[in-house]
Protein backbone atom coordinates (compact mmCIF):
# COMPACT_ATOMS: atom_id res chain seq x y z
CA UNK A 1 74.92 148.91 302.07
CA UNK A 2 75.28 151.34 304.89
CA UNK A 3 71.51 151.03 305.50
CA UNK A 4 71.85 147.31 306.37
CA UNK A 5 70.59 146.66 309.89
CA UNK A 6 73.22 144.63 311.74
CA UNK A 7 72.19 143.26 315.12
CA UNK A 8 74.47 143.35 318.13
CA UNK A 9 74.04 139.58 318.39
CA UNK A 10 75.40 139.10 314.88
CA UNK A 11 78.39 141.29 315.63
CA UNK A 12 79.07 139.35 318.84
CA UNK A 13 78.75 135.99 317.05
CA UNK A 14 81.23 137.13 314.41
CA UNK A 15 83.63 138.38 317.03
CA UNK A 16 83.36 135.10 318.97
CA UNK A 17 84.14 133.12 315.81
CA UNK A 18 86.98 135.27 314.46
CA UNK A 19 88.37 137.08 317.44
CA UNK A 20 88.37 140.37 315.52
CA UNK A 21 87.35 143.65 317.16
CA UNK A 22 83.69 144.66 317.53
CA UNK A 23 83.96 147.64 315.16
CA UNK A 24 85.83 145.48 312.57
CA UNK A 25 83.09 142.85 312.78
CA UNK A 26 80.32 145.33 312.37
CA UNK A 27 82.02 146.96 309.39
CA UNK A 28 82.53 143.60 307.73
CA UNK A 29 78.89 142.60 308.25
CA UNK A 30 77.79 145.92 306.79
CA UNK A 31 79.99 145.47 303.75
CA UNK A 32 78.78 141.88 303.38
CA UNK A 33 75.12 143.00 303.57
CA UNK A 34 74.72 140.85 306.65
CA UNK A 35 76.15 137.69 304.98
CA UNK A 36 77.96 135.97 307.86
CA UNK A 37 80.31 133.83 305.73
CA UNK A 38 81.21 136.69 303.44
CA UNK A 39 81.96 138.84 306.49
CA UNK A 40 84.36 136.16 307.73
CA UNK A 41 86.13 136.16 304.35
CA UNK A 42 86.41 139.94 304.46
CA UNK A 43 88.01 139.78 307.89
CA UNK A 44 90.45 137.07 306.68
CA UNK A 45 91.36 139.18 303.69
CA UNK A 46 92.05 142.20 305.95
CA UNK A 47 94.10 139.97 308.18
CA UNK A 48 96.16 138.85 305.19
CA UNK A 49 96.71 142.45 304.12
CA UNK A 50 97.72 143.35 307.63
CA UNK A 51 100.15 140.45 307.63
CA UNK A 52 101.69 141.77 304.44
CA UNK A 53 101.95 145.31 305.84
CA UNK A 54 103.62 144.04 309.01
CA UNK A 55 105.92 141.62 307.29
CA UNK A 56 108.95 143.78 307.87
CA UNK A 57 108.24 144.29 311.58
CA UNK A 58 110.44 142.63 314.18
CA UNK A 59 108.69 139.75 315.97
CA UNK A 60 111.31 138.77 318.52
CA UNK A 61 108.84 137.83 321.33
CA UNK A 62 106.76 134.69 321.30
CA UNK A 63 106.13 131.25 322.76
CA UNK A 64 108.12 128.05 322.23
CA UNK A 65 106.68 124.60 322.76
CA UNK A 66 108.64 121.33 322.54
CA UNK A 67 106.71 118.05 322.39
CA UNK A 68 107.63 114.34 322.17
CA UNK A 69 105.27 111.58 321.00
CA UNK A 70 104.06 108.73 323.19
CA UNK A 71 106.77 106.39 321.87
CA UNK A 72 109.46 108.89 322.81
CA UNK A 73 111.12 108.54 319.44
CA UNK A 74 109.96 111.71 317.66
CA UNK A 75 109.88 115.24 318.85
CA UNK A 76 109.07 118.73 317.50
CA UNK A 77 109.69 122.36 318.49
CA UNK A 78 107.43 125.16 317.42
CA UNK A 79 108.00 128.90 317.95
CA UNK A 80 105.06 131.17 317.40
CA UNK A 81 106.36 134.72 317.24
CA UNK A 82 104.81 138.12 318.07
CA UNK A 83 106.09 141.64 318.62
CA UNK A 84 105.55 142.20 322.34
CA UNK A 85 105.76 140.19 325.58
CA UNK A 86 102.32 141.45 326.44
CA UNK A 87 100.95 139.21 323.70
CA UNK A 88 103.41 136.29 324.38
CA UNK A 89 102.19 136.11 327.97
CA UNK A 90 98.50 135.97 326.95
CA UNK A 91 96.91 132.63 327.71
CA UNK A 92 95.12 132.49 324.35
CA UNK A 93 98.40 132.98 322.52
CA UNK A 94 100.10 130.28 324.60
CA UNK A 95 97.26 127.89 323.93
CA UNK A 96 97.41 128.63 320.20
CA UNK A 97 101.08 127.76 320.19
CA UNK A 98 100.31 124.48 321.98
CA UNK A 99 97.66 123.70 319.44
CA UNK A 100 100.01 124.35 316.56
CA UNK A 101 102.67 122.19 318.24
CA UNK A 102 100.16 119.33 318.68
CA UNK A 103 99.30 119.51 315.00
CA UNK A 104 103.02 119.41 314.18
CA UNK A 105 103.63 116.43 316.38
CA UNK A 106 100.59 114.50 315.12
CA UNK A 107 101.43 115.06 311.46
CA UNK A 108 105.23 115.51 311.55
CA UNK A 109 105.37 117.65 308.39
CA UNK A 110 108.74 117.99 306.64
CA UNK A 111 109.11 121.74 307.05
CA UNK A 112 107.49 124.98 308.20
CA UNK A 113 105.85 125.60 304.83
CA UNK A 114 104.15 122.19 304.96
CA UNK A 115 103.03 122.85 308.53
CA UNK A 116 101.15 125.98 307.38
CA UNK A 117 98.89 123.79 305.21
CA UNK A 118 97.47 121.76 308.08
CA UNK A 119 94.16 122.80 309.67
CA UNK A 120 93.13 123.98 313.13
CA UNK A 121 89.35 123.85 313.59
CA UNK A 122 88.89 123.44 309.87
CA UNK A 123 91.02 126.40 308.92
CA UNK A 124 94.56 126.15 307.49
CA UNK A 125 97.30 127.55 309.74
CA UNK A 126 98.31 130.21 307.18
CA UNK A 127 94.81 131.65 307.48
CA UNK A 128 94.82 131.18 311.26
CA UNK A 129 97.96 133.30 311.44
CA UNK A 130 96.44 136.04 309.26
CA UNK A 131 93.36 136.05 311.52
CA UNK A 132 95.60 136.47 314.53
CA UNK A 133 97.26 139.48 312.94
CA UNK A 134 93.81 141.05 312.40
CA UNK A 135 92.76 140.16 315.92
CA UNK A 136 95.88 141.20 317.80
CA UNK A 137 97.40 143.88 315.58
CA UNK A 138 100.94 142.45 315.68
CA UNK A 139 103.05 140.42 313.31
CA UNK A 140 102.22 136.76 314.13
CA UNK A 141 103.87 133.83 312.44
CA UNK A 142 105.26 130.33 312.86
CA UNK A 143 108.86 131.50 313.11
CA UNK A 144 110.56 128.16 313.77
CA UNK A 145 109.75 124.51 313.36
CA UNK A 146 112.27 121.78 314.16
CA UNK A 147 111.94 117.98 314.28
CA UNK A 148 114.14 115.20 315.72
CA UNK A 149 113.90 111.42 315.48
CA UNK A 150 116.01 109.02 317.50
CA UNK A 151 115.62 105.77 319.52
CA UNK A 152 114.90 108.06 322.53
CA UNK A 153 113.97 111.72 322.39
CA UNK A 154 113.81 113.95 325.47
CA UNK A 155 112.51 117.50 325.59
CA UNK A 156 112.88 120.59 327.76
CA UNK A 157 111.06 123.91 327.70
CA UNK A 158 112.89 126.74 329.45
CA UNK A 159 111.04 128.83 332.02
CA UNK A 160 108.33 130.99 330.48
CA UNK A 161 108.44 129.21 327.08
CA UNK A 162 111.53 131.23 326.10
CA UNK A 163 113.44 128.25 324.67
CA UNK A 164 112.78 124.66 323.63
CA UNK A 165 115.27 121.77 323.28
CA UNK A 166 115.12 118.24 321.89
CA UNK A 167 117.88 115.73 322.59
CA UNK A 168 118.18 112.40 320.82
CA UNK A 169 119.79 109.40 322.58
CA UNK A 170 120.89 106.14 321.04
CA UNK A 171 119.24 103.77 323.52
CA UNK A 172 115.46 103.40 323.54
CA UNK A 173 114.96 102.58 327.21
CA UNK A 174 112.74 105.22 328.86
CA UNK A 175 114.82 105.01 332.07
CA UNK A 176 117.29 107.33 330.25
CA UNK A 177 114.67 110.07 329.71
CA UNK A 178 115.87 111.93 332.84
CA UNK A 179 119.44 111.84 331.49
CA UNK A 180 118.16 113.16 328.22
CA UNK A 181 116.31 115.97 329.95
CA UNK A 182 119.52 116.83 331.87
CA UNK A 183 121.37 117.13 328.59
CA UNK A 184 118.53 119.16 327.05
CA UNK A 185 118.83 121.59 330.01
CA UNK A 186 122.54 121.71 329.31
CA UNK A 187 121.81 122.79 325.72
CA UNK A 188 119.44 125.51 326.92
CA UNK A 189 122.02 126.84 329.42
CA UNK A 190 125.28 126.52 327.40
CA UNK A 191 124.04 126.93 323.84
CA UNK A 192 126.46 124.55 322.07
CA UNK A 193 127.03 125.18 318.36
CA UNK A 194 127.10 121.51 317.46
CA UNK A 195 127.08 118.00 318.90
CA UNK A 196 130.84 117.39 318.67
CA UNK A 197 133.93 118.78 316.97
CA UNK A 198 133.14 116.57 313.96
CA UNK A 199 129.94 118.57 313.38
CA UNK A 200 131.42 122.06 313.52
CA UNK A 201 131.36 123.60 310.01
CA UNK A 202 134.78 123.98 308.35
CA UNK A 203 134.12 127.68 307.91
CA UNK A 204 133.78 128.08 311.68
CA UNK A 205 136.94 126.09 312.29
CA UNK A 206 138.89 128.20 309.75
CA UNK A 207 137.60 131.40 311.41
CA UNK A 208 138.60 130.21 314.87
CA UNK A 209 142.07 129.26 313.65
CA UNK A 210 142.53 132.67 312.08
CA UNK A 211 141.38 134.39 315.24
CA UNK A 212 143.75 132.26 317.31
CA UNK A 213 146.69 133.09 315.09
CA UNK A 214 145.88 136.84 315.10
CA UNK A 215 145.61 136.92 318.94
CA UNK A 216 148.97 135.09 319.26
CA UNK A 217 150.54 137.36 316.65
CA UNK A 218 149.31 140.48 318.54
CA UNK A 219 150.80 139.01 321.70
CA UNK A 220 154.19 138.94 320.00
CA UNK A 221 154.46 135.18 319.60
CA UNK A 222 156.89 133.80 316.97
CA UNK A 223 155.38 133.19 313.54
CA UNK A 224 156.51 129.55 313.67
CA UNK A 225 154.47 129.03 316.84
CA UNK A 226 151.18 130.53 315.58
CA UNK A 227 149.71 127.33 314.12
CA UNK A 228 150.31 125.35 317.29
CA UNK A 229 148.89 128.08 319.48
CA UNK A 230 145.84 128.46 317.24
CA UNK A 231 145.17 124.70 317.46
CA UNK A 232 145.32 124.89 321.20
CA UNK A 233 142.77 127.70 321.18
CA UNK A 234 140.66 125.71 318.73
CA UNK A 235 140.55 122.72 321.15
CA UNK A 236 139.42 125.06 323.85
CA UNK A 237 136.68 126.30 321.54
CA UNK A 238 135.58 122.71 320.95
CA UNK A 239 135.40 122.03 324.68
CA UNK A 240 133.35 125.13 325.42
CA UNK A 241 131.06 125.04 322.36
CA UNK A 242 130.34 121.44 321.40
CA UNK A 243 127.79 119.59 323.46
CA UNK A 244 129.59 116.30 324.10
CA UNK A 245 132.81 118.04 325.12
CA UNK A 246 131.25 120.64 327.35
CA UNK A 247 131.58 120.40 331.14
CA UNK A 248 128.31 119.01 332.47
CA UNK A 249 126.78 121.94 334.30
CA UNK A 250 124.97 119.89 336.94
CA UNK A 251 128.18 118.60 338.51
CA UNK A 252 130.83 120.96 337.08
CA UNK A 253 133.36 118.13 336.76
CA UNK A 254 132.61 115.59 334.13
CA UNK A 255 131.94 116.21 330.44
CA UNK A 256 128.52 115.53 328.96
CA UNK A 257 130.02 112.46 327.31
CA UNK A 258 131.23 111.21 330.65
CA UNK A 259 127.92 111.96 332.34
CA UNK A 260 125.94 109.85 329.77
CA UNK A 261 128.45 107.01 330.05
CA UNK A 262 127.95 107.03 333.82
CA UNK A 263 124.30 106.13 333.15
CA UNK A 264 125.28 103.43 330.67
CA UNK A 265 128.75 102.95 329.03
CA UNK A 266 127.06 102.81 325.62
CA UNK A 267 124.73 105.80 326.11
CA UNK A 268 125.39 108.81 323.90
CA UNK A 269 123.59 111.62 322.14
CA UNK A 270 122.88 111.44 318.43
CA UNK A 271 121.89 115.08 318.09
CA UNK A 272 119.91 118.00 319.43
CA UNK A 273 117.65 120.86 318.30
CA UNK A 274 117.49 124.20 320.12
CA UNK A 275 115.07 127.03 319.43
CA UNK A 276 115.12 130.25 321.42
CA UNK A 277 113.59 133.70 321.27
CA UNK A 278 115.41 136.49 319.51
């Protein structure tokens, strides 16, 4: 097989189609005895093996894209992860993330596993990711996929594709999209843990109450006062960490709830999704 004559044109064509390195392409063509399709399969196989070898590597860099459909009632967020910011800033990697996000928006799969089964240029996304590993030499994967449906969905992508947010509003009028975007920017900046105090997990509430009691106890407060003090600290936690109770950052005075009501007394948020790097 080593005697197979592989033309430079064939190597270039394989590289153009797969994105793999020139030497990898030549080696695959030699092993495939010049069979172009078999060489592609060999490169994919190597990409898959590389994915498995790099599965335990940290891939904390990446690109995040948030998209909303034309009816403004469905949105998705996709995070394509990699290991270095050198890769994440590459235009091809950014465009790949956009392509995956478009597939997600058009098909609205139920979860990340289902998203991997859809095709880009005739190739399923699980294979596309393996090919990217072979091409780039880093761990590449669809790290996050979130969806949101509401009468009105607004999106925001933080500078440099470092975070993506979707916010759902209860009124379908597109004139409230700017308000939704303002709230999405609030989420990116203030990172609330939930929509309101009603949505905070009981485990988090219990932990905050215990912390509040312990702080008060260490400050020498009477045991009979600990519960009341802890509840006060819990209410402060709700104000600082739940979206609708947070101070609206754009004016520093009203809450997010009050800001939305200033646009329309009935306007409120039904939920949000926030994906960030790290």
